[in-house]
Amino acid sequence: VAVSVSCVDHQRVRNDGPSKFKVRADVARRLEIADSFLGPVSLVVVEGHRATTVQERFWNHRWAEVRLAHPDWSPVEVTAETARFVAPPDGHPPHSTGGAVDVILTDVGGVEIDMGSALNDPGPKMAMDADVGAEAREWRDRLSGAMSEAGFVNYPYEWWHFSYGDQYWAWRTQAPAALYGRVG
């Protein structure tokens, strides 16, 4: 279903697929719940569903970047490092299930709130627990708390990425199985 909270085409999101603002119905409902916990700021989805073809493109691009940066690494090492930032396209990548979302926060004027690192910046500050300034830490904690209260889990390497119902969520919550498999 279409995401029910604010969505924005973000300059740092390369997903050009027609379903990028669609998620599972229960995920959409939980996004509304998380947004309600944030008071005057808004939860904004910048990416939901990612088609398998888009996931493959992202994987191949990142794999090539890592290989170029580390020519002495084995393919296994390159694959492991690539998987920290982009899920492998085989299996059930979180975004391809409709259970994962990338989000930002905006203030009452619609201006993106500084979270201490840019969205989709593969630098050291992207991890949820990275050493960032006090204000960015407060916003990260508020985002994490609101999403957690709504049933999401954060992927700790990316402050902006949250899952509900996918394999990562099942692993983190110790659920017996994921609720969702790949869609498209």
Foldseek 3Di string as FASTA:
>chain_A
DFQDFAEDQDPLDPQPDPCFRFADPLLSVLLVQLQVLLPQKGKYFHGAAGALVRLQVLLVVQLVVLCVVCVPDDSVVSNVVSCLQGNDSPWFGQRQFRFKTFIFMAGNVRHTDDLQDDASDQDQRQFLPGDGDPVSVVVLVSSQVSSVVSPWHASRSGSGMIGDQQQVSCVVVVPPGGNTGGDD
